[in-house]
Amino acid sequence: QTRLQGVVVSESLGGALDLGDDLEPITASLVLDCMGNASPISRQQRYGMKPDGVCAVVGSCASGYDKETNLIGDIIYTNTEIQDKGDEGKLQYFWETFPVGIGRNGQEPGTSDTKTTYMFTYMDAESKRPSLSTLMDDYWDLLPEYQSEISDPETDLNFLRVLYAYFPTYRDSPLKPKWSRVLAVGDASGIQSPLSFGGFGALTRHLDRISTAVSEALESDCLHKDDLAEINAYTPNLSAAWMFQKAMSVRIGQNVNPKFVNRLLATNFEIMNDNMGIRTIKPFLQDVVRIDGLLGSLARTFVADPTFTPQIIAHVGIPTLVDWLGHIFMMVLYTLLHGGVSPLLEPIVDRMENPRDKFQMRRRMEAWKFGSGGDYILPGDEVTN
């Protein structure tokens, strides 16, 4: 519960955490910044940089819903067209729902009347954009349309918690260290997907990789910013996800068919779920973009709705498309490096005598693995003991 006043770093000696005049500073060889997207350390490093995207979320946890229909959740659900907010721009609203209490203490689906519902939207960081209070007003108005068993949230529900937040994200992510002996992890590093914006899932996916890398960095004294930058290395599949975020948002002043996002989602999810199956849609829904599923779904989308592809390109813009194609090329390269080169390099790297060279090569092979989605175990490929 102690407020951190500051961090002082010496490249040769270590780091010290200033906890105020009344407390002794805490010293460490390495400082891990786990303070989220509002981290003052990350803010200092990104000073003057405008977020490239924002996810605005409002929602609540409440009881009073029908138990019989409170069985499963929604991840990305739309039931309205793009909303025109006038000078504040156009927004597509998405919904998420999670039943509460199911699975705890033997509680079966259909026995809980409590659920959490979120309404969220993607947008840029322009100052004209609507406030969270405006989005919250829309949430109350639209909630009965989404949850048809209620007609008036104020009288039909017992609210346990109200939630609201902005989640900023930057294209320049993960954030490479600017200072030695300081490493950002989780949301502070920007490792979360620009689609889900939820850093917990991203952190758990990378937890084994990061914990191993941090342990090796301490053991090998690889704590210079150049060494730590290998832990937060470029991952092309994370950068490629920006295309999807851009496709589901509308720029200020942009003219777009109100049905555009719904058409985009309906076409792609039908192809991934019905045509390609769980080995394609499950990684995507868990924020892991793989080149096999991505190229397969894109090809099938073009065949299923060829007239829609030019509209998508016009919507996201040529510069975004060119940038995205560069990341797609790197995904192909990382997939080849992980599958073909890493198995050959591993025994050579293990025999390296220079600890810094060994540390950096291991991190680069990890970047190939995670940057291509090679860390994801596809359904049916699980290893059983």
Foldseek 3Di string as FASTA:
>chain_A
DFDFPDKDADLVPFIWTDRDDVDDIDTDNFAEAAPAQPGPVLCVVCPPPFFFKKKKKKWFKWFQAQQQPQAAKDQWDADFFWAQPDQQGIWGKTKIKHRPPDPPPPRHRSRGRIMIMMIMTMAGPDPSHDDSVVVVVVCQVCVCVVRVVDDHCVPRIGTDTIDIDMQTAHLPFQAQDPFFRYAYAFNSRRQDAPVRSDRVLSCVLCVVVLVVLVVLCVVQVVGGSVLNRLQGDDFLLSSLSVLVSLLNYAYRPDDDDRCRNVVVVVLLCCCVPVPVHQLQVVCVSSSQDALVSVVVSVVVSCVVCVVCVVVSCVSNDDVSVVVSVVSSVVLVVLQCCLVPVVVVCVVVLVPDPNSSVSSSVVSVSVSSCRSNSVSDQGPPRDDDD
